[in-house]
């Protein structure tokens, strides 16, 4: 039969090539979808520069109530109304413990789309740092 003999240099080179291939393989991103159920009336507050919009309610994963959300949007009168967008910030406050995370991004009034990223996390949600999100006024999906 064949007798294969490896020396240390060949083994090291093969390991480096294998690690390089593994590092270049695409990784699978995880997602979590949070269903938002508004329990407060949307409140508009005008000031000299623009308009604030506030709302809040319950957060669900599937059918399980896991927390609460507070959301604010800022419309600037300095942006042409044809843009039809605002900045948006929402904090999801977990029902248990001192856990929360905040997303920031934009809200498009035409179809309700919201996109952006996770901007702050408590200790229990550090895996969401640098995550992105997309959704609407009913749900967001965080990709991390």
N, C-alpha and C. Protein backbone atom coordinates (compact mmCIF):
# COMPACT_ATOMS: atom_id res chain seq x y z
N UNK A 1 0.83 -1.19 0.00
CA UNK A 1 0.00 0.00 0.00
C UNK A 1 0.87 1.24 0.00
N UNK A 2 0.18 2.37 -0.03
CA UNK A 2 0.88 3.65 -0.06
C UNK A 2 1.29 4.05 1.35
N UNK A 3 2.43 4.61 1.43
CA UNK A 3 2.90 5.10 2.71
C UNK A 3 3.05 6.61 2.58
N UNK A 4 2.26 7.35 3.39
CA UNK A 4 2.30 8.82 3.32
C UNK A 4 3.08 9.32 4.52
N UNK A 5 4.02 10.18 4.25
CA UNK A 5 4.85 10.72 5.31
C UNK A 5 4.70 12.24 5.28
N UNK A 6 4.30 12.81 6.41
CA UNK A 6 4.16 14.26 6.52
C UNK A 6 5.29 14.80 7.37
N UNK A 7 5.85 15.89 6.93
CA UNK A 7 6.79 16.57 7.79
C UNK A 7 6.08 17.76 8.43
N UNK A 8 6.69 18.37 9.39
CA UNK A 8 6.06 19.46 10.14
C UNK A 8 5.70 20.64 9.25
N UNK A 9 6.54 20.96 8.27
CA UNK A 9 6.26 22.10 7.40
C UNK A 9 5.02 21.84 6.54
N UNK A 10 4.88 20.63 6.01
CA UNK A 10 3.72 20.30 5.18
C UNK A 10 2.44 20.32 6.02
N UNK A 11 2.52 19.80 7.24
CA UNK A 11 1.36 19.79 8.12
C UNK A 11 0.95 21.22 8.50
N UNK A 12 1.92 22.06 8.77
CA UNK A 12 1.65 23.45 9.09
C UNK A 12 1.02 24.17 7.90
N UNK A 13 1.53 23.94 6.70
CA UNK A 13 0.98 24.57 5.50
C UNK A 13 -0.45 24.11 5.26
N UNK A 14 -0.73 22.82 5.44
CA UNK A 14 -2.09 22.31 5.25
C UNK A 14 -3.05 22.91 6.27
N UNK A 15 -2.59 23.08 7.50
CA UNK A 15 -3.42 23.67 8.54
C UNK A 15 -3.75 25.12 8.22
N UNK A 16 -2.76 25.88 7.76
CA UNK A 16 -2.98 27.28 7.40
C UNK A 16 -3.98 27.39 6.26
N UNK A 17 -3.85 26.54 5.24
CA UNK A 17 -4.80 26.56 4.12
C UNK A 17 -6.21 26.23 4.61
N UNK A 18 -6.34 25.20 5.44
CA UNK A 18 -7.66 24.80 5.95
C UNK A 18 -8.29 25.91 6.78
N UNK A 19 -7.51 26.56 7.62
CA UNK A 19 -8.04 27.66 8.43
C UNK A 19 -8.44 28.84 7.55
N UNK A 20 -7.67 29.10 6.51
CA UNK A 20 -8.03 30.19 5.59
C UNK A 20 -9.34 29.93 4.87
N UNK A 21 -9.54 28.68 4.45
CA UNK A 21 -10.80 28.32 3.79
C UNK A 21 -11.96 28.47 4.77
N UNK A 22 -11.78 28.00 6.00
CA UNK A 22 -12.86 28.10 6.99
C UNK A 22 -13.17 29.55 7.31
N UNK A 23 -12.16 30.40 7.40
CA UNK A 23 -12.39 31.81 7.72
C UNK A 23 -13.11 32.53 6.60
N UNK A 24 -12.94 32.08 5.37
CA UNK A 24 -13.58 32.76 4.24
C UNK A 24 -14.99 32.26 3.97
N UNK A 25 -15.43 31.22 4.66
CA UNK A 25 -16.78 30.71 4.46
C UNK A 25 -17.79 31.69 5.05
N UNK A 26 -18.92 31.89 4.40
CA UNK A 26 -19.91 32.81 4.94
C UNK A 26 -20.50 32.25 6.22
N UNK A 27 -20.71 33.14 7.19
CA UNK A 27 -21.33 32.71 8.43
C UNK A 27 -22.84 32.97 8.36
N UNK A 28 -23.58 32.21 9.08
CA UNK A 28 -25.03 32.36 9.11
C UNK A 28 -25.39 33.37 10.19
N UNK A 29 -26.18 34.36 9.83
CA UNK A 29 -26.62 35.36 10.79
C UNK A 29 -27.85 34.85 11.52
N UNK A 30 -27.93 35.17 12.79
CA UNK A 30 -29.11 34.82 13.58
C UNK A 30 -30.07 36.01 13.56
N UNK A 31 -31.34 35.72 13.71
CA UNK A 31 -32.35 36.78 13.76
C UNK A 31 -33.29 36.54 14.93
N UNK A 32 -33.89 37.62 15.39
CA UNK A 32 -34.95 37.56 16.40
C UNK A 32 -36.01 38.57 16.00
N UNK A 33 -37.26 38.14 15.97
CA UNK A 33 -38.36 39.03 15.60
C UNK A 33 -39.16 39.37 16.85
N UNK A 34 -39.37 40.66 17.04
CA UNK A 34 -40.11 41.18 18.19
C UNK A 34 -41.41 41.80 17.69
N UNK A 35 -42.52 41.23 18.12
CA UNK A 35 -43.83 41.76 17.76
C UNK A 35 -44.17 42.90 18.71
N UNK A 36 -44.63 44.02 18.18
CA UNK A 36 -44.94 45.22 18.97
C UNK A 36 -46.45 45.43 18.99
N UNK A 37 -47.02 45.51 20.19
CA UNK A 37 -48.45 45.75 20.33
C UNK A 37 -48.62 47.07 21.07
N UNK A 38 -49.05 48.09 20.32
CA UNK A 38 -49.19 49.44 20.88
C UNK A 38 -50.32 49.47 21.90
N UNK A 39 -50.05 50.01 23.09
CA UNK A 39 -51.07 50.15 24.12
C UNK A 39 -51.32 51.59 24.49
N UNK A 40 -50.55 52.51 23.91
CA UNK A 40 -50.77 53.94 24.16
C UNK A 40 -51.15 54.61 22.85
N UNK A 41 -51.80 55.74 22.96
CA UNK A 41 -52.12 56.51 21.76
C UNK A 41 -50.86 57.17 21.23
N UNK A 42 -50.73 57.22 19.91
CA UNK A 42 -49.63 57.97 19.31
C UNK A 42 -49.81 59.43 19.69
N UNK A 43 -48.79 60.01 20.30
CA UNK A 43 -48.86 61.39 20.77
C UNK A 43 -47.92 62.25 19.95
N UNK A 44 -48.43 63.35 19.39
CA UNK A 44 -47.63 64.31 18.64
C UNK A 44 -47.37 65.52 19.51
N UNK A 45 -46.12 65.98 19.54
CA UNK A 45 -45.75 67.19 20.28
C UNK A 45 -44.96 68.06 19.32
N UNK A 46 -45.52 69.22 18.96
CA UNK A 46 -44.84 70.16 18.05
C UNK A 46 -44.00 71.14 18.85
N UNK A 47 -42.86 71.52 18.28
CA UNK A 47 -42.05 72.61 18.83
C UNK A 47 -41.57 73.45 17.66
N UNK A 48 -40.70 74.41 17.91
CA UNK A 48 -40.29 75.35 16.87
C UNK A 48 -39.54 74.67 15.72
N UNK A 49 -38.88 73.56 15.97
CA UNK A 49 -38.05 72.91 14.95
C UNK A 49 -38.75 71.76 14.23
N UNK A 50 -39.74 71.18 14.87
CA UNK A 50 -40.35 70.01 14.24
C UNK A 50 -41.41 69.38 15.11
N UNK A 51 -41.47 68.06 15.03
CA UNK A 51 -42.51 67.31 15.74
C UNK A 51 -41.92 66.04 16.33
N UNK A 52 -42.28 65.78 17.57
CA UNK A 52 -41.98 64.51 18.22
C UNK A 52 -43.22 63.63 18.13
N UNK A 53 -43.02 62.33 17.97
CA UNK A 53 -44.11 61.37 18.07
C UNK A 53 -43.68 60.29 19.06
N UNK A 54 -44.59 59.96 19.97
CA UNK A 54 -44.30 58.99 21.02
C UNK A 54 -45.36 57.89 21.03
N UNK A 55 -44.94 56.66 21.28
CA UNK A 55 -45.88 55.58 21.55
C UNK A 55 -45.15 54.49 22.33
N UNK A 56 -45.91 53.53 22.82
CA UNK A 56 -45.33 52.44 23.58
C UNK A 56 -46.30 51.30 23.71
N UNK A 57 -45.80 50.19 24.24
CA UNK A 57 -46.67 49.03 24.40
C UNK A 57 -45.92 47.79 24.80
N UNK A 58 -46.50 46.65 24.43
CA UNK A 58 -45.97 45.33 24.78
C UNK A 58 -45.08 44.78 23.67
N UNK A 59 -44.15 43.92 24.08
CA UNK A 59 -43.26 43.22 23.14
C UNK A 59 -43.46 41.71 23.33
N UNK A 60 -43.61 41.02 22.20
CA UNK A 60 -43.79 39.58 22.20
C UNK A 60 -42.75 38.92 21.30
N UNK A 61 -42.31 37.73 21.70
CA UNK A 61 -41.60 36.83 20.81
C UNK A 61 -42.54 35.65 20.63
N UNK A 62 -43.04 35.48 19.41
CA UNK A 62 -44.11 34.51 19.19
C UNK A 62 -45.33 34.97 19.96
N UNK A 63 -45.86 34.09 20.81
CA UNK A 63 -47.02 34.44 21.64
C UNK A 63 -46.65 34.74 23.08
N UNK A 64 -45.35 34.84 23.36
CA UNK A 64 -44.88 35.05 24.72
C UNK A 64 -44.58 36.53 24.96
N UNK A 65 -45.23 37.10 25.97
CA UNK A 65 -44.99 38.50 26.35
C UNK A 65 -43.64 38.57 27.07
N UNK A 66 -42.67 39.27 26.46
CA UNK A 66 -41.31 39.32 27.01
C UNK A 66 -40.91 40.69 27.53
N UNK A 67 -41.67 41.74 27.20
CA UNK A 67 -41.26 43.05 27.66
C UNK A 67 -42.15 44.16 27.13
N UNK A 68 -41.56 45.36 27.12
CA UNK A 68 -42.29 46.58 26.76
C UNK A 68 -41.40 47.41 25.84
N UNK A 69 -42.01 48.32 25.10
CA UNK A 69 -41.22 49.22 24.28
C UNK A 69 -41.68 50.65 24.45
N UNK A 70 -40.74 51.56 24.30
CA UNK A 70 -41.04 52.99 24.18
C UNK A 70 -40.37 53.43 22.89
N UNK A 71 -41.11 54.20 22.08
CA UNK A 71 -40.59 54.62 20.78
C UNK A 71 -40.83 56.11 20.61
N UNK A 72 -39.82 56.78 20.05
CA UNK A 72 -39.99 58.19 19.70
C UNK A 72 -39.46 58.42 18.30
N UNK A 73 -40.15 59.27 17.59
CA UNK A 73 -39.74 59.66 16.24
C UNK A 73 -39.59 61.17 16.23
N UNK A 74 -38.64 61.64 15.45
CA UNK A 74 -38.40 63.08 15.33
C UNK A 74 -38.53 63.48 13.87
N UNK A 75 -39.49 64.36 13.60
CA UNK A 75 -39.68 64.95 12.28
C UNK A 75 -39.09 66.35 12.34
N UNK A 76 -38.19 66.66 11.42
CA UNK A 76 -37.60 68.00 11.37
C UNK A 76 -38.27 68.82 10.28
N UNK A 77 -38.67 70.03 10.62
CA UNK A 77 -39.25 70.92 9.62
C UNK A 77 -38.19 71.39 8.62
N UNK A 78 -36.90 71.14 8.93
CA UNK A 78 -35.81 71.50 8.02
C UNK A 78 -35.63 70.51 6.88
N UNK A 79 -36.29 69.36 6.96
CA UNK A 79 -36.21 68.35 5.90
C UNK A 79 -37.45 68.50 5.03
N UNK A 80 -37.30 68.56 3.70
CA UNK A 80 -38.48 68.71 2.84
C UNK A 80 -39.52 67.62 3.12
N UNK A 81 -40.78 68.00 3.12
CA UNK A 81 -41.84 67.03 3.40
C UNK A 81 -41.88 65.90 2.37
N UNK A 82 -41.33 66.14 1.18
CA UNK A 82 -41.31 65.09 0.16
C UNK A 82 -40.43 63.91 0.56
N UNK A 83 -39.48 64.12 1.47
CA UNK A 83 -38.62 63.04 1.96
C UNK A 83 -39.46 62.04 2.77
N UNK A 84 -40.41 62.55 3.54
CA UNK A 84 -41.40 61.74 4.25
C UNK A 84 -40.77 60.74 5.22
N UNK A 85 -39.66 61.14 5.88
CA UNK A 85 -38.97 60.27 6.84
C UNK A 85 -38.69 61.01 8.13
N UNK A 86 -38.48 60.24 9.17
CA UNK A 86 -38.08 60.80 10.46
C UNK A 86 -36.98 59.92 11.05
N UNK A 87 -36.31 60.45 12.06
CA UNK A 87 -35.42 59.60 12.84
C UNK A 87 -36.29 58.84 13.84
N UNK A 88 -35.81 57.69 14.28
CA UNK A 88 -36.59 56.86 15.18
C UNK A 88 -35.66 56.21 16.20
N UNK A 89 -36.10 56.18 17.44
CA UNK A 89 -35.37 55.49 18.50
C UNK A 89 -36.38 54.70 19.33
N UNK A 90 -36.05 53.45 19.61
CA UNK A 90 -36.94 52.61 20.40
C UNK A 90 -36.12 51.79 21.38
N UNK A 91 -36.57 51.76 22.64
CA UNK A 91 -35.94 50.92 23.65
C UNK A 91 -36.89 49.80 24.01
N UNK A 92 -36.38 48.59 23.98
CA UNK A 92 -37.14 47.41 24.40
C UNK A 92 -36.66 47.05 25.80
N UNK A 93 -37.59 47.08 26.74
CA UNK A 93 -37.30 46.84 28.15
C UNK A 93 -37.80 45.44 28.49
N UNK A 94 -36.87 44.58 28.88
CA UNK A 94 -37.22 43.19 29.17
C UNK A 94 -38.06 43.12 30.44
N UNK A 95 -38.98 42.20 30.49
CA UNK A 95 -39.87 42.00 31.63
C UNK A 95 -39.13 41.54 32.88
N UNK A 96 -38.06 40.80 32.70
CA UNK A 96 -37.33 40.21 33.82
C UNK A 96 -35.95 40.84 33.91
N UNK A 97 -35.52 41.17 35.11
CA UNK A 97 -34.17 41.70 35.31
C UNK A 97 -34.01 43.10 34.75
N UNK A 98 -32.82 43.61 34.83
CA UNK A 98 -32.50 44.95 34.33
C UNK A 98 -31.91 44.85 32.93
N UNK A 99 -32.69 44.34 31.99
CA UNK A 99 -32.20 44.11 30.64
C UNK A 99 -32.97 44.96 29.64
N UNK A 100 -32.24 45.51 28.69
CA UNK A 100 -32.87 46.30 27.63
C UNK A 100 -31.89 46.46 26.48
N UNK A 101 -32.44 46.88 25.35
CA UNK A 101 -31.59 47.31 24.24
C UNK A 101 -32.33 48.39 23.48
N UNK A 102 -31.56 49.22 22.80
CA UNK A 102 -32.11 50.37 22.07
C UNK A 102 -31.71 50.26 20.61
N UNK A 103 -32.68 50.53 19.73
CA UNK A 103 -32.41 50.60 18.30
C UNK A 103 -32.62 52.03 17.84
N UNK A 104 -31.83 52.45 16.88
CA UNK A 104 -31.97 53.77 16.27
C UNK A 104 -31.93 53.62 14.76
N UNK A 105 -32.68 54.47 14.09
CA UNK A 105 -32.68 54.42 12.64
C UNK A 105 -33.65 55.43 12.07
N UNK A 106 -34.29 55.06 10.97
CA UNK A 106 -35.24 55.96 10.32
C UNK A 106 -36.59 55.28 10.17
N UNK A 107 -37.60 56.12 10.06
CA UNK A 107 -38.98 55.67 9.85
C UNK A 107 -39.48 56.34 8.58
N UNK A 108 -40.03 55.55 7.66
CA UNK A 108 -40.59 56.09 6.42
C UNK A 108 -42.10 56.11 6.56
N UNK A 109 -42.68 57.29 6.50
CA UNK A 109 -44.11 57.44 6.72
C UNK A 109 -44.95 56.85 5.59
N UNK A 110 -44.37 56.71 4.40
CA UNK A 110 -45.12 56.18 3.27
C UNK A 110 -45.62 54.76 3.48
N UNK A 111 -44.74 53.88 4.00
CA UNK A 111 -45.15 52.49 4.20
C UNK A 111 -44.89 51.99 5.61
N UNK A 112 -44.40 52.86 6.49
CA UNK A 112 -44.16 52.47 7.88
C UNK A 112 -42.86 51.73 8.12
N UNK A 113 -42.01 51.59 7.08
CA UNK A 113 -40.75 50.84 7.23
C UNK A 113 -39.81 51.54 8.21
N UNK A 114 -39.15 50.73 9.03
CA UNK A 114 -38.14 51.22 9.96
C UNK A 114 -36.88 50.39 9.76
N UNK A 115 -35.73 51.06 9.64
CA UNK A 115 -34.45 50.37 9.46
C UNK A 115 -33.39 51.08 10.28
N UNK A 116 -32.37 50.34 10.70
CA UNK A 116 -31.28 50.95 11.45
C UNK A 116 -30.44 49.89 12.14
N UNK A 117 -29.94 50.26 13.33
CA UNK A 117 -29.07 49.36 14.06
C UNK A 117 -29.29 49.43 15.55
N UNK A 118 -28.75 48.45 16.26
CA UNK A 118 -28.80 48.44 17.72
C UNK A 118 -27.73 49.41 18.21
N UNK A 119 -28.13 50.37 19.04
CA UNK A 119 -27.20 51.42 19.45
C UNK A 119 -26.75 51.30 20.89
N UNK A 120 -27.47 50.57 21.72
CA UNK A 120 -27.08 50.41 23.13
C UNK A 120 -27.68 49.12 23.66
N UNK A 121 -26.94 48.48 24.58
CA UNK A 121 -27.43 47.24 25.18
C UNK A 121 -27.07 47.20 26.65
N UNK A 122 -27.88 46.53 27.45
CA UNK A 122 -27.50 46.23 28.82
C UNK A 122 -26.68 44.94 28.78
N UNK A 123 -26.18 44.54 29.95
CA UNK A 123 -25.28 43.39 30.01
C UNK A 123 -25.87 42.13 29.40
N UNK A 124 -27.16 41.90 29.53
CA UNK A 124 -27.77 40.69 29.01
C UNK A 124 -27.93 40.63 27.51
N UNK A 125 -27.71 41.76 26.83
CA UNK A 125 -27.91 41.81 25.39
C UNK A 125 -26.66 42.23 24.62
N UNK A 126 -25.48 42.03 25.18
CA UNK A 126 -24.26 42.47 24.50
C UNK A 126 -24.06 41.76 23.16
N UNK A 127 -24.65 40.58 22.98
CA UNK A 127 -24.52 39.88 21.69
C UNK A 127 -25.21 40.65 20.56
N UNK A 128 -26.05 41.62 20.90
CA UNK A 128 -26.73 42.42 19.87
C UNK A 128 -25.92 43.64 19.44
N UNK A 129 -24.79 43.91 20.09
CA UNK A 129 -23.99 45.06 19.69
C UNK A 129 -23.61 44.92 18.22
N UNK A 130 -23.73 45.99 17.47
CA UNK A 130 -23.46 46.05 16.03
C UNK A 130 -24.49 45.30 15.18
N UNK A 131 -25.62 44.93 15.77
CA UNK A 131 -26.68 44.26 15.00
C UNK A 131 -27.46 45.30 14.20
N UNK A 132 -28.19 44.84 13.20
CA UNK A 132 -29.06 45.71 12.41
C UNK A 132 -30.51 45.27 12.64
N UNK A 133 -31.44 46.15 12.26
CA UNK A 133 -32.84 45.78 12.37
C UNK A 133 -33.61 46.34 11.19
N UNK A 134 -34.74 45.73 10.92
CA UNK A 134 -35.68 46.21 9.91
C UNK A 134 -37.06 45.77 10.35
N UNK A 135 -38.05 46.57 10.01
CA UNK A 135 -39.42 46.21 10.37
C UNK A 135 -40.38 47.33 10.07
N UNK A 136 -41.43 47.39 10.90
CA UNK A 136 -42.44 48.44 10.77
C UNK A 136 -43.02 48.71 12.15
N UNK A 137 -44.17 49.38 12.19
CA UNK A 137 -44.74 49.74 13.48
C UNK A 137 -45.29 48.53 14.24
N UNK A 138 -45.42 47.37 13.59
CA UNK A 138 -45.96 46.16 14.23
C UNK A 138 -44.90 45.17 14.70
N UNK A 139 -43.71 45.20 14.10
CA UNK A 139 -42.68 44.21 14.45
C UNK A 139 -41.34 44.67 13.90
N UNK A 140 -40.26 44.27 14.58
CA UNK A 140 -38.92 44.47 14.04
C UNK A 140 -38.18 43.14 14.11
N UNK A 141 -37.28 42.94 13.16
CA UNK A 141 -36.41 41.77 13.16
C UNK A 141 -34.98 42.26 13.31
N UNK A 142 -34.31 41.77 14.35
CA UNK A 142 -32.92 42.13 14.62
C UNK A 142 -32.05 41.01 14.05
N UNK A 143 -31.06 41.40 13.25
CA UNK A 143 -30.12 40.44 12.67
C UNK A 143 -28.76 40.67 13.33
N UNK A 144 -28.21 39.60 13.94
CA UNK A 144 -26.95 39.71 14.67
C UNK A 144 -26.01 38.59 14.33
